[in-house]
């Protein structure tokens, strides 16, 4: 079978599936900005799933507030909120309408056309630091220039961010871990709902970056 082009749009109807399933499916996919003067493309390397059925989620117990209302929309829009009074966090709303759940985009790496993302993080691309460049929710939003203005927008052609096929990851290349920074969730904090790909960007560009430099 022919390999699908990584730049093909991701079928956002799949985002209406449960958060746990979507969190794994998003690994290796590409988020691309659409309204910046300099386009940025990043590959998703780490995600966390959240559902109203567990205490780590803003929507726990079906709690609907002005802040959490986007989580109860039909899967396929962005849920962006401010954390620690310092950083924005980007989430992909999942599941059917009325069920509060989402997937936090916890880590990304920039693709070769994304020098703007690197400048926004104020770092020089170095293969040893690619994961660290945007290895947390706040860093992800800085790299993509995401703010609260992206909240509630569709993840697709009609919004500021779109999702591309990228390179889907095999189950064997996915680590399953507890989520981070939700000690308040008690036993639910131990749920293995964080997912991380062991692979880096599958492009010759990375190989060139990793090659030893000549003296």
N, C-alpha and C. Protein backbone atom coordinates (compact mmCIF):
# COMPACT_ATOMS: atom_id res chain seq x y z
N UNK A 1 0.84 -1.20 0.00
CA UNK A 1 0.00 0.00 0.00
C UNK A 1 0.88 1.25 0.00
N UNK A 2 0.50 2.30 -0.75
CA UNK A 2 1.31 3.52 -0.76
C UNK A 2 1.26 4.22 0.58
N UNK A 3 2.38 4.85 0.96
CA UNK A 3 2.44 5.59 2.21
C UNK A 3 1.73 6.93 2.06
N UNK A 4 0.93 7.31 3.01
CA UNK A 4 0.23 8.59 2.95
C UNK A 4 1.23 9.71 3.17
N UNK A 5 1.04 10.80 2.45
CA UNK A 5 1.92 11.95 2.60
C UNK A 5 1.71 12.57 3.97
N UNK A 6 2.83 12.94 4.62
CA UNK A 6 2.73 13.47 5.98
C UNK A 6 1.98 14.79 6.03
N UNK A 7 1.90 15.49 4.90
CA UNK A 7 1.24 16.79 4.88
C UNK A 7 -0.27 16.72 4.61
N UNK A 8 -0.79 15.51 4.41
CA UNK A 8 -2.23 15.38 4.24
C UNK A 8 -2.95 15.75 5.53
N UNK A 9 -4.13 16.37 5.44
CA UNK A 9 -4.88 16.71 6.65
C UNK A 9 -5.26 15.46 7.44
N UNK A 10 -5.20 15.56 8.75
CA UNK A 10 -5.66 14.50 9.63
C UNK A 10 -7.20 14.55 9.65
N UNK A 11 -7.83 13.39 9.66
CA UNK A 11 -9.29 13.33 9.71
C UNK A 11 -9.76 13.70 11.11
N UNK A 12 -10.23 14.93 11.29
CA UNK A 12 -10.57 15.41 12.62
C UNK A 12 -11.81 14.72 13.20
N UNK A 13 -12.54 13.96 12.38
CA UNK A 13 -13.65 13.19 12.94
C UNK A 13 -13.12 12.16 13.95
N UNK A 14 -11.87 11.77 13.78
CA UNK A 14 -11.28 10.82 14.72
C UNK A 14 -11.12 11.44 16.11
N UNK A 15 -11.14 12.76 16.18
CA UNK A 15 -11.02 13.43 17.47
C UNK A 15 -12.30 13.30 18.30
N UNK A 16 -13.34 12.76 17.72
CA UNK A 16 -14.58 12.52 18.46
C UNK A 16 -14.55 11.18 19.19
N UNK A 17 -13.42 10.47 19.08
CA UNK A 17 -13.23 9.23 19.82
C UNK A 17 -12.78 9.56 21.25
N UNK A 18 -12.77 8.58 22.16
CA UNK A 18 -12.37 8.83 23.55
C UNK A 18 -10.95 9.38 23.68
N UNK A 19 -10.74 10.19 24.71
CA UNK A 19 -9.46 10.87 24.91
C UNK A 19 -8.29 9.90 24.99
N UNK A 20 -8.47 8.77 25.66
CA UNK A 20 -7.36 7.82 25.80
C UNK A 20 -6.90 7.30 24.44
N UNK A 21 -7.82 7.06 23.55
CA UNK A 21 -7.47 6.58 22.21
C UNK A 21 -6.82 7.70 21.41
N UNK A 22 -7.40 8.89 21.47
CA UNK A 22 -6.88 10.02 20.70
C UNK A 22 -5.48 10.39 21.17
N UNK A 23 -5.23 10.32 22.47
CA UNK A 23 -3.92 10.71 23.01
C UNK A 23 -2.79 9.91 22.36
N UNK A 24 -3.03 8.66 22.09
CA UNK A 24 -2.02 7.82 21.42
C UNK A 24 -1.97 8.13 19.93
N UNK A 25 -3.12 8.36 19.33
CA UNK A 25 -3.18 8.63 17.89
C UNK A 25 -2.49 9.94 17.52
N UNK A 26 -2.46 10.89 18.44
CA UNK A 26 -1.87 12.20 18.13
C UNK A 26 -0.34 12.16 18.09
N UNK A 27 0.27 11.16 18.68
CA UNK A 27 1.73 11.08 18.67
C UNK A 27 2.24 10.91 17.24
N UNK A 28 3.19 11.74 16.86
CA UNK A 28 3.73 11.69 15.51
C UNK A 28 2.99 12.55 14.52
N UNK A 29 1.83 13.06 14.90
CA UNK A 29 1.09 13.96 14.02
C UNK A 29 1.71 15.35 14.05
N UNK A 30 1.35 16.17 13.10
CA UNK A 30 1.94 17.50 12.97
C UNK A 30 0.89 18.59 13.18
N UNK A 31 1.22 19.54 14.03
CA UNK A 31 0.40 20.75 14.18
C UNK A 31 1.08 21.85 13.38
N UNK A 32 0.28 22.56 12.59
CA UNK A 32 0.83 23.62 11.75
C UNK A 32 0.03 24.90 11.95
N UNK A 33 0.74 26.00 12.10
CA UNK A 33 0.05 27.30 12.21
C UNK A 33 -0.40 27.74 10.83
N UNK A 34 -1.48 28.52 10.80
CA UNK A 34 -2.03 28.92 9.51
C UNK A 34 -2.13 30.43 9.34
N UNK A 35 -2.07 31.19 10.43
CA UNK A 35 -2.30 32.62 10.28
C UNK A 35 -1.08 33.45 10.67
N UNK A 36 0.06 32.82 10.90
CA UNK A 36 1.28 33.56 11.20
C UNK A 36 1.97 33.99 9.92
N UNK A 37 2.72 35.08 9.97
CA UNK A 37 3.50 35.50 8.80
C UNK A 37 4.57 34.46 8.49
N UNK A 38 5.04 33.75 9.51
CA UNK A 38 5.99 32.67 9.34
C UNK A 38 5.33 31.37 9.81
N UNK A 39 5.10 30.46 8.88
CA UNK A 39 4.43 29.21 9.23
C UNK A 39 5.33 28.36 10.13
N UNK A 40 4.72 27.73 11.12
CA UNK A 40 5.44 26.85 12.03
C UNK A 40 4.80 25.46 11.98
N UNK A 41 5.63 24.43 11.91
CA UNK A 41 5.15 23.04 11.93
C UNK A 41 5.89 22.29 13.03
N UNK A 42 5.16 21.60 13.88
CA UNK A 42 5.78 20.84 14.96
C UNK A 42 5.18 19.45 15.00
N UNK A 43 6.00 18.49 15.40
CA UNK A 43 5.57 17.10 15.51
C UNK A 43 5.28 16.79 16.97
N UNK A 44 4.14 16.18 17.25
CA UNK A 44 3.71 15.90 18.62
C UNK A 44 4.46 14.69 19.17
N UNK A 45 5.11 14.88 20.31
CA UNK A 45 5.90 13.80 20.91
C UNK A 45 5.35 13.32 22.25
N UNK A 46 4.48 14.12 22.88
CA UNK A 46 3.98 13.73 24.21
C UNK A 46 2.58 14.30 24.43
N UNK A 47 1.70 13.48 24.99
CA UNK A 47 0.32 13.89 25.25
C UNK A 47 -0.14 13.37 26.61
N UNK A 48 -1.23 13.96 27.11
CA UNK A 48 -1.89 13.47 28.33
C UNK A 48 -3.39 13.50 28.11
N UNK A 49 -4.07 12.44 28.52
CA UNK A 49 -5.52 12.36 28.38
C UNK A 49 -6.21 12.79 29.68
N UNK A 50 -7.36 13.47 29.53
CA UNK A 50 -8.17 13.90 30.67
C UNK A 50 -9.64 13.65 30.37
N UNK A 51 -10.36 13.19 31.39
CA UNK A 51 -11.78 12.88 31.23
C UNK A 51 -12.54 13.26 32.49
N UNK A 52 -13.81 13.58 32.33
CA UNK A 52 -14.63 13.97 33.47
C UNK A 52 -14.81 12.84 34.48
N UNK A 53 -14.37 11.65 34.13
CA UNK A 53 -14.51 10.51 35.02
C UNK A 53 -13.38 10.41 36.05
N UNK A 54 -12.37 11.29 35.94
CA UNK A 54 -11.25 11.20 36.88
C UNK A 54 -10.89 12.59 37.40
N UNK A 55 -10.32 12.61 38.60
CA UNK A 55 -10.14 13.87 39.34
C UNK A 55 -9.03 14.77 38.82
N UNK A 56 -8.25 14.29 37.86
CA UNK A 56 -7.22 15.15 37.29
C UNK A 56 -7.75 16.16 36.30
N UNK A 57 -9.00 15.95 35.88
CA UNK A 57 -9.56 16.77 34.81
C UNK A 57 -10.30 18.00 35.33
N UNK A 58 -10.21 19.09 34.59
CA UNK A 58 -10.99 20.29 34.91
C UNK A 58 -12.49 19.99 34.88
N UNK A 59 -12.87 18.98 34.11
CA UNK A 59 -14.30 18.65 33.94
C UNK A 59 -14.76 17.53 34.86
N UNK A 60 -13.97 17.21 35.88
CA UNK A 60 -14.30 16.09 36.76
C UNK A 60 -15.72 16.20 37.29
N UNK A 61 -16.44 15.08 37.21
CA UNK A 61 -17.81 15.03 37.70
C UNK A 61 -18.79 15.79 36.84
N UNK A 62 -18.38 16.14 35.62
CA UNK A 62 -19.26 16.88 34.73
C UNK A 62 -19.33 18.36 35.05
N UNK A 63 -18.31 18.88 35.77
CA UNK A 63 -18.30 20.29 36.18
C UNK A 63 -18.18 21.20 34.95
N UNK A 64 -19.20 22.03 34.74
CA UNK A 64 -19.22 22.94 33.59
C UNK A 64 -19.17 24.37 34.09
N UNK A 65 -18.12 25.07 33.72
CA UNK A 65 -17.95 26.48 34.06
C UNK A 65 -17.59 27.22 32.77
N UNK A 66 -17.47 28.53 32.86
CA UNK A 66 -17.08 29.29 31.67
C UNK A 66 -15.74 28.81 31.14
N UNK A 67 -14.84 28.45 32.07
CA UNK A 67 -13.52 27.98 31.66
C UNK A 67 -13.58 26.62 31.01
N UNK A 68 -14.34 25.68 31.61
CA UNK A 68 -14.31 24.29 31.14
C UNK A 68 -15.29 24.00 30.01
N UNK A 69 -16.16 24.92 29.69
CA UNK A 69 -17.22 24.66 28.70
C UNK A 69 -16.69 24.10 27.38
N UNK A 70 -15.53 24.57 26.87
CA UNK A 70 -15.04 23.99 25.60
C UNK A 70 -14.82 22.48 25.66
N UNK A 71 -14.52 21.93 26.84
CA UNK A 71 -14.28 20.49 26.96
C UNK A 71 -15.52 19.67 26.66
N UNK A 72 -16.69 20.30 26.72
CA UNK A 72 -17.94 19.59 26.51
C UNK A 72 -18.46 19.71 25.08
N UNK A 73 -17.66 20.34 24.22
CA UNK A 73 -18.03 20.46 22.81
C UNK A 73 -17.71 19.15 22.08
N UNK A 74 -18.19 19.02 20.86
CA UNK A 74 -17.82 17.87 20.03
C UNK A 74 -16.33 17.91 19.76
N UNK A 75 -15.67 16.77 19.84
CA UNK A 75 -14.23 16.71 19.65
C UNK A 75 -13.77 17.35 18.35
N UNK A 76 -12.67 18.12 18.44
CA UNK A 76 -12.13 18.74 17.24
C UNK A 76 -11.81 20.22 17.39
N UNK A 77 -12.07 20.79 18.59
CA UNK A 77 -11.71 22.18 18.81
C UNK A 77 -10.57 22.27 19.82
N UNK A 78 -10.02 23.47 19.96
CA UNK A 78 -8.93 23.69 20.91
C UNK A 78 -9.47 24.17 22.25
N UNK A 79 -8.85 23.71 23.30
CA UNK A 79 -9.13 24.17 24.66
C UNK A 79 -7.83 24.73 25.19
N UNK A 80 -7.77 26.04 25.38
CA UNK A 80 -6.54 26.71 25.81
C UNK A 80 -6.81 27.43 27.12
N UNK A 81 -5.95 27.22 28.10
CA UNK A 81 -6.14 27.88 29.39
C UNK A 81 -4.79 28.32 29.94
N UNK A 82 -4.81 29.19 30.94
CA UNK A 82 -3.61 29.76 31.55
C UNK A 82 -3.25 28.93 32.77
N UNK A 83 -1.98 28.57 32.93
CA UNK A 83 -1.54 27.76 34.07
C UNK A 83 -0.45 28.49 34.84
N UNK A 84 -0.50 28.31 36.14
CA UNK A 84 0.50 28.87 37.06
C UNK A 84 0.63 30.39 36.92
N UNK A 85 -0.39 31.03 36.36
CA UNK A 85 -0.33 32.47 36.18
C UNK A 85 0.79 32.91 35.25
N UNK A 86 1.29 31.97 34.43
CA UNK A 86 2.47 32.28 33.60
C UNK A 86 2.37 31.80 32.16
N UNK A 87 1.75 30.62 31.94
CA UNK A 87 1.84 29.97 30.64
C UNK A 87 0.47 29.54 30.12
N UNK A 88 0.35 29.50 28.79
CA UNK A 88 -0.82 28.92 28.15
C UNK A 88 -0.59 27.42 27.96
N UNK A 89 -1.68 26.66 27.92
CA UNK A 89 -1.60 25.22 27.66
C UNK A 89 -2.61 24.88 26.56
N UNK A 90 -2.15 24.13 25.56
CA UNK A 90 -2.99 23.76 24.42
C UNK A 90 -3.52 22.34 24.58
N UNK A 91 -4.83 22.19 24.46
CA UNK A 91 -5.49 20.89 24.53
C UNK A 91 -6.35 20.69 23.29
N UNK A 92 -6.52 19.44 22.91
CA UNK A 92 -7.43 19.07 21.83
C UNK A 92 -8.66 18.43 22.46
N UNK A 93 -9.82 19.03 22.25
CA UNK A 93 -11.06 18.48 22.79
C UNK A 93 -11.41 17.21 22.03
N UNK A 94 -11.83 16.18 22.77
CA UNK A 94 -12.13 14.89 22.16
C UNK A 94 -13.51 14.41 22.59
N UNK A 95 -13.93 13.29 22.00
CA UNK A 95 -15.18 12.65 22.41
C UNK A 95 -16.42 13.34 21.87
N UNK A 96 -17.59 12.83 22.26
CA UNK A 96 -18.86 13.40 21.79
C UNK A 96 -19.24 14.64 22.58
N UNK A 97 -20.13 15.43 22.04
CA UNK A 97 -20.63 16.61 22.74
C UNK A 97 -21.28 16.20 24.05
N UNK A 98 -21.03 16.99 25.09
CA UNK A 98 -21.65 16.73 26.38
C UNK A 98 -20.80 15.93 27.33
N UNK A 99 -19.70 15.36 26.85
CA UNK A 99 -18.80 14.59 27.72
C UNK A 99 -17.48 15.33 27.80
N UNK A 100 -17.14 15.84 28.98
CA UNK A 100 -15.98 16.71 29.12
C UNK A 100 -14.65 15.97 29.10
N UNK A 101 -13.93 16.05 28.01
CA UNK A 101 -12.62 15.41 27.93
C UNK A 101 -11.75 16.11 26.90
N UNK A 102 -10.45 15.94 27.04
CA UNK A 102 -9.51 16.58 26.14
C UNK A 102 -8.14 15.91 26.27
N UNK A 103 -7.27 16.21 25.32
CA UNK A 103 -5.89 15.71 25.34
C UNK A 103 -4.95 16.91 25.39
N UNK A 104 -4.11 16.97 26.40
CA UNK A 104 -3.12 18.02 26.54
C UNK A 104 -1.93 17.72 25.62
N UNK A 105 -1.52 18.71 24.83
CA UNK A 105 -0.31 18.58 24.03
C UNK A 105 0.86 18.98 24.91
N UNK A 106 1.58 17.99 25.35
CA UNK A 106 2.60 18.22 26.38
C UNK A 106 4.01 18.43 25.81
N UNK A 107 4.28 17.88 24.62
CA UNK A 107 5.60 18.03 24.04
C UNK A 107 5.56 17.97 22.53
N UNK A 108 6.40 18.79 21.88
CA UNK A 108 6.52 18.77 20.42
C UNK A 108 7.99 19.01 20.05
N UNK A 109 8.34 18.69 18.79
CA UNK A 109 9.64 19.09 18.24
C UNK A 109 9.37 19.81 16.92
N UNK A 110 10.18 20.83 16.59
CA UNK A 110 9.95 21.60 15.37
C UNK A 110 10.42 20.85 14.14
N UNK A 111 9.72 21.04 13.03
CA UNK A 111 10.15 20.50 11.75
C UNK A 111 11.04 21.54 11.05
N UNK A 112 11.71 21.14 9.97
CA UNK A 112 12.72 22.01 9.37
C UNK A 112 12.26 23.39 8.93
N UNK A 113 10.98 23.58 8.66
CA UNK A 113 10.53 24.89 8.18
C UNK A 113 10.18 25.83 9.32
N UNK A 114 10.58 25.48 10.54
CA UNK A 114 10.03 26.15 11.71
C UNK A 114 11.06 26.93 12.52
N UNK A 115 11.90 27.68 11.83
CA UNK A 115 12.86 28.51 12.53
C UNK A 115 12.16 29.50 13.46
N UNK A 116 10.96 29.93 13.05
CA UNK A 116 10.21 30.88 13.88
C UNK A 116 9.92 30.29 15.26
N UNK A 117 9.61 28.99 15.30
CA UNK A 117 9.33 28.34 16.58
C UNK A 117 10.56 28.38 17.47
N UNK A 118 11.71 28.20 16.86
CA UNK A 118 12.95 28.21 17.63
C UNK A 118 13.21 29.61 18.18
N UNK A 119 13.02 30.61 17.35
CA UNK A 119 13.23 31.98 17.82
C UNK A 119 12.26 32.32 18.94
N UNK A 120 11.01 31.83 18.81
CA UNK A 120 10.03 32.11 19.84
C UNK A 120 10.42 31.46 21.17
N UNK A 121 11.17 30.39 21.11
CA UNK A 121 11.67 29.75 22.32
C UNK A 121 13.03 30.32 22.73
N UNK A 122 13.58 31.23 21.87
CA UNK A 122 14.85 31.89 22.16
C UNK A 122 16.00 30.89 22.36
N UNK A 123 16.00 29.86 21.52
CA UNK A 123 17.08 28.88 21.58
C UNK A 123 17.55 28.57 20.17
N UNK A 124 18.76 28.06 20.08
CA UNK A 124 19.30 27.59 18.80
C UNK A 124 19.00 26.11 18.66
N UNK A 125 18.58 25.68 17.45
CA UNK A 125 18.32 24.25 17.25
C UNK A 125 19.60 23.46 17.49
N UNK A 126 19.48 22.47 18.33
CA UNK A 126 20.57 21.55 18.61
C UNK A 126 19.91 20.19 18.81
N UNK A 127 20.33 19.18 18.09
CA UNK A 127 19.65 17.89 18.15
C UNK A 127 19.58 17.35 19.57
N UNK A 128 20.58 17.67 20.40
CA UNK A 128 20.57 17.18 21.78
C UNK A 128 19.44 17.83 22.58
N UNK A 129 18.99 18.99 22.13
CA UNK A 129 17.98 19.73 22.88
C UNK A 129 16.62 19.76 22.20
N UNK A 130 16.44 19.00 21.11
CA UNK A 130 15.19 19.12 20.35
C UNK A 130 13.96 18.85 21.22
N UNK A 131 14.02 17.82 22.04
CA UNK A 131 12.86 17.55 22.89
C UNK A 131 12.70 18.63 23.95
N UNK A 132 13.81 19.13 24.47
CA UNK A 132 13.74 20.15 25.51
C UNK A 132 13.28 21.50 24.98
N UNK A 133 13.38 21.69 23.67
CA UNK A 133 12.98 22.95 23.07
C UNK A 133 11.51 23.26 23.37
N UNK A 134 10.67 22.24 23.35
CA UNK A 134 9.25 22.45 23.62
C UNK A 134 8.71 21.21 24.32
N UNK A 135 9.29 20.89 25.49
CA UNK A 135 8.95 19.66 26.21
C UNK A 135 8.04 19.90 27.40
N UNK A 136 7.21 20.90 27.31
CA UNK A 136 6.22 21.18 28.34
C UNK A 136 5.10 22.01 27.75
N UNK A 137 3.92 22.00 28.36
CA UNK A 137 2.77 22.70 27.78
C UNK A 137 3.02 24.18 27.49
N UNK A 138 3.70 24.88 28.42
CA UNK A 138 3.98 26.29 28.20
C UNK A 138 4.91 26.51 27.02
N UNK A 139 5.92 25.65 26.89
CA UNK A 139 6.88 25.76 25.79
C UNK A 139 6.20 25.47 24.45
N UNK A 140 5.27 24.51 24.45
CA UNK A 140 4.53 24.20 23.22
C UNK A 140 3.82 25.45 22.71
N UNK A 141 3.12 26.13 23.62
CA UNK A 141 2.37 27.32 23.21
C UNK A 141 3.29 28.46 22.79
N UNK A 142 4.44 28.57 23.43
CA UNK A 142 5.40 29.59 23.01
C UNK A 142 5.90 29.31 21.59
N UNK A 143 6.21 28.05 21.32
CA UNK A 143 6.72 27.68 19.99
C UNK A 143 5.69 27.94 18.90
N UNK A 144 4.42 27.74 19.21
CA UNK A 144 3.34 27.91 18.23
C UNK A 144 2.69 29.29 18.31
N UNK A 145 3.17 30.13 19.23
CA UNK A 145 2.58 31.46 19.45
C UNK A 145 1.09 31.35 19.78
N UNK A 146 0.74 30.32 20.57
CA UNK A 146 -0.66 30.11 20.98
C UNK A 146 -0.96 30.91 22.24
N UNK A 147 -2.10 31.60 22.24
CA UNK A 147 -2.60 32.33 23.40
C UNK A 147 -4.07 31.98 23.59
N UNK A 148 -4.71 32.65 24.52
CA UNK A 148 -6.12 32.40 24.77
C UNK A 148 -7.00 32.69 23.57
N UNK A 149 -6.49 33.42 22.59
CA UNK A 149 -7.28 33.71 21.39
C UNK A 149 -7.58 32.44 20.60
N UNK A 150 -6.80 31.38 20.82
CA UNK A 150 -7.00 30.11 20.10
C UNK A 150 -8.08 29.26 20.77
N UNK A 151 -8.44 29.58 22.01
CA UNK A 151 -9.46 28.80 22.72
C UNK A 151 -10.75 28.73 21.93
N UNK A 152 -11.33 27.55 21.85
CA UNK A 152 -12.62 27.28 21.20
C UNK A 152 -12.55 27.28 19.67
N UNK A 153 -11.38 27.49 19.08
CA UNK A 153 -11.29 27.49 17.62
C UNK A 153 -11.15 26.07 17.10
N UNK A 154 -11.64 25.80 15.87
CA UNK A 154 -11.51 24.44 15.32
C UNK A 154 -10.08 24.12 14.96
N UNK A 155 -9.71 22.86 15.14
CA UNK A 155 -8.37 22.40 14.78
C UNK A 155 -8.45 21.90 13.34
N UNK A 156 -8.34 22.84 12.41
CA UNK A 156 -8.50 22.50 11.01
C UNK A 156 -8.48 23.73 10.14
N UNK A 157 -8.91 23.63 8.88
CA UNK A 157 -8.80 24.73 7.92
C UNK A 157 -9.48 26.02 8.35
N UNK A 158 -10.48 25.92 9.21
CA UNK A 158 -11.22 27.12 9.62
C UNK A 158 -10.63 27.77 10.87
N UNK A 159 -9.56 27.22 11.41
CA UNK A 159 -8.96 27.76 12.63
C UNK A 159 -7.51 28.16 12.42
N UNK A 160 -6.88 28.73 13.44
CA UNK A 160 -5.48 29.15 13.32
C UNK A 160 -4.48 28.00 13.34
N UNK A 161 -4.92 26.81 13.80
CA UNK A 161 -4.05 25.63 13.83
C UNK A 161 -4.72 24.51 13.04
N UNK A 162 -3.91 23.74 12.35
CA UNK A 162 -4.43 22.58 11.64
C UNK A 162 -3.61 21.36 12.03
N UNK A 163 -4.18 20.18 11.82
CA UNK A 163 -3.54 18.92 12.19
C UNK A 163 -3.28 18.12 10.93
N UNK A 164 -2.02 17.68 10.75
CA UNK A 164 -1.62 16.92 9.56
C UNK A 164 -1.31 15.47 9.93
N UNK A 165 -1.31 14.60 8.91
CA UNK A 165 -1.10 13.17 9.13
C UNK A 165 0.20 12.88 9.86
N UNK A 166 1.28 13.59 9.48
CA UNK A 166 2.55 13.33 10.13
C UNK A 166 2.98 11.88 9.97
N UNK A 167 3.55 11.34 11.05
CA UNK A 167 4.07 9.97 11.04
C UNK A 167 3.47 9.21 12.22
N UNK A 168 2.35 8.50 12.04
CA UNK A 168 1.74 7.74 13.14
C UNK A 168 2.75 6.80 13.78
N UNK A 169 2.68 6.70 15.11
CA UNK A 169 3.65 5.91 15.85
C UNK A 169 3.12 4.50 16.16
N UNK A 170 4.00 3.53 16.12
CA UNK A 170 3.64 2.16 16.47
C UNK A 170 3.49 2.04 17.99
N UNK A 171 2.62 1.14 18.42
CA UNK A 171 2.44 0.91 19.86
C UNK A 171 3.77 0.59 20.53
N UNK A 172 4.64 -0.14 19.82
CA UNK A 172 5.92 -0.53 20.39
C UNK A 172 6.83 0.66 20.66
N UNK A 173 6.56 1.79 20.01
CA UNK A 173 7.40 2.99 20.17
C UNK A 173 6.77 4.02 21.09
N UNK A 174 5.72 3.63 21.82
CA UNK A 174 5.03 4.57 22.70
C UNK A 174 5.23 4.16 24.16
N UNK A 175 5.69 5.09 24.97
CA UNK A 175 5.81 4.88 26.41
C UNK A 175 4.51 5.32 27.09
N UNK A 176 4.08 4.57 28.08
CA UNK A 176 2.89 4.91 28.86
C UNK A 176 3.32 5.24 30.28
N UNK A 177 2.93 6.44 30.77
CA UNK A 177 3.44 6.96 32.03
C UNK A 177 2.33 7.65 32.82
N UNK A 178 2.52 7.88 34.12
CA UNK A 178 1.56 8.69 34.88
C UNK A 178 1.65 10.15 34.42
N UNK A 179 0.55 10.87 34.60
CA UNK A 179 0.54 12.29 34.24
C UNK A 179 1.35 13.12 35.23
N UNK A 180 1.63 14.35 34.85
CA UNK A 180 2.53 15.20 35.62
C UNK A 180 1.78 16.37 36.25
N UNK A 181 2.14 16.72 37.50
CA UNK A 181 1.65 17.94 38.12
C UNK A 181 0.20 17.92 38.57
N UNK A 182 -0.35 16.75 38.85
CA UNK A 182 -1.75 16.68 39.30
C UNK A 182 -1.86 15.88 40.60
N UNK A 183 -0.99 16.15 41.54
CA UNK A 183 -1.03 15.45 42.83
C UNK A 183 -2.37 15.60 43.53
N UNK A 184 -3.06 16.71 43.25
CA UNK A 184 -4.37 16.95 43.86
C UNK A 184 -5.39 15.88 43.47
N UNK A 185 -5.11 15.10 42.42
CA UNK A 185 -6.07 14.11 41.93
C UNK A 185 -6.03 12.81 42.72
N UNK A 186 -5.19 12.73 43.75
CA UNK A 186 -5.14 11.52 44.57
C UNK A 186 -4.73 10.30 43.76
N UNK A 187 -5.47 9.22 43.92
CA UNK A 187 -5.14 7.97 43.22
C UNK A 187 -5.23 8.14 41.70
N UNK A 188 -6.07 9.06 41.24
CA UNK A 188 -6.20 9.27 39.80
C UNK A 188 -4.93 9.85 39.19
N UNK A 189 -4.08 10.45 40.02
CA UNK A 189 -2.81 10.98 39.52
C UNK A 189 -1.90 9.85 39.04
N UNK A 190 -2.16 8.64 39.51
CA UNK A 190 -1.32 7.49 39.14
C UNK A 190 -1.77 6.82 37.84
N UNK A 191 -2.90 7.25 37.29
CA UNK A 191 -3.38 6.63 36.06
C UNK A 191 -2.33 6.78 34.95
N UNK A 192 -2.09 5.72 34.19
CA UNK A 192 -1.08 5.78 33.12
C UNK A 192 -1.65 6.43 31.86
N UNK A 193 -1.96 7.71 31.97
CA UNK A 193 -2.64 8.42 30.88
C UNK A 193 -1.74 9.43 30.18
N UNK A 194 -0.44 9.32 30.38
CA UNK A 194 0.51 10.16 29.63
C UNK A 194 1.23 9.26 28.63
N UNK A 195 1.37 9.77 27.41
CA UNK A 195 1.94 8.97 26.33
C UNK A 195 3.07 9.75 25.65
N UNK A 196 4.18 9.05 25.39
CA UNK A 196 5.34 9.70 24.80
C UNK A 196 5.97 8.77 23.78
N UNK A 197 6.29 9.32 22.61
CA UNK A 197 6.96 8.51 21.60
C UNK A 197 8.46 8.49 21.86
N UNK A 198 9.05 7.32 21.65
CA UNK A 198 10.49 7.17 21.83
C UNK A 198 11.26 7.68 20.61
N UNK A 199 10.54 7.90 19.51
CA UNK A 199 11.20 8.27 18.26
C UNK A 199 11.35 9.77 18.12
N UNK A 200 12.35 10.19 17.38
CA UNK A 200 12.50 11.59 17.01
C UNK A 200 11.88 11.81 15.63
N UNK A 201 12.04 13.00 15.09
CA UNK A 201 11.46 13.30 13.78
C UNK A 201 12.08 12.40 12.72
N UNK A 202 11.27 11.65 11.95
CA UNK A 202 11.83 10.72 10.97
C UNK A 202 12.19 11.41 9.66
N UNK A 203 13.17 12.32 9.72
CA UNK A 203 13.55 13.07 8.53
C UNK A 203 15.07 13.09 8.38
N UNK A 204 15.57 13.09 7.14
CA UNK A 204 17.01 13.19 6.93
C UNK A 204 17.58 14.44 7.60
N UNK A 205 16.76 15.48 7.73
CA UNK A 205 17.22 16.72 8.38
C UNK A 205 17.78 16.44 9.77
N UNK A 206 17.10 15.59 10.52
CA UNK A 206 17.57 15.28 11.86
C UNK A 206 18.89 14.53 11.81
N UNK A 207 19.02 13.63 10.83
CA UNK A 207 20.26 12.87 10.72
C UNK A 207 21.43 13.81 10.44
N UNK A 208 21.18 14.82 9.61
CA UNK A 208 22.24 15.79 9.32
C UNK A 208 22.60 16.57 10.56
N UNK A 209 21.58 16.92 11.38
CA UNK A 209 21.85 17.67 12.60
C UNK A 209 22.67 16.83 13.57
N UNK A 210 22.40 15.52 13.57
CA UNK A 210 23.06 14.62 14.54
C UNK A 210 24.47 14.22 14.11
N UNK A 211 24.78 14.41 12.80
CA UNK A 211 26.09 13.99 12.31
C UNK A 211 27.21 14.79 12.98
N UNK A 212 28.33 14.12 13.31
CA UNK A 212 29.47 14.83 13.92
C UNK A 212 29.96 15.95 13.00
N UNK A 213 30.27 17.07 13.60
CA UNK A 213 30.76 18.19 12.82
C UNK A 213 32.27 18.06 12.60
N UNK A 214 32.69 18.45 11.41
CA UNK A 214 34.12 18.39 11.08
C UNK A 214 34.87 19.50 11.82
N UNK A 215 36.04 19.17 12.27
CA UNK A 215 36.86 20.17 12.99
C UNK A 215 37.31 21.27 12.04
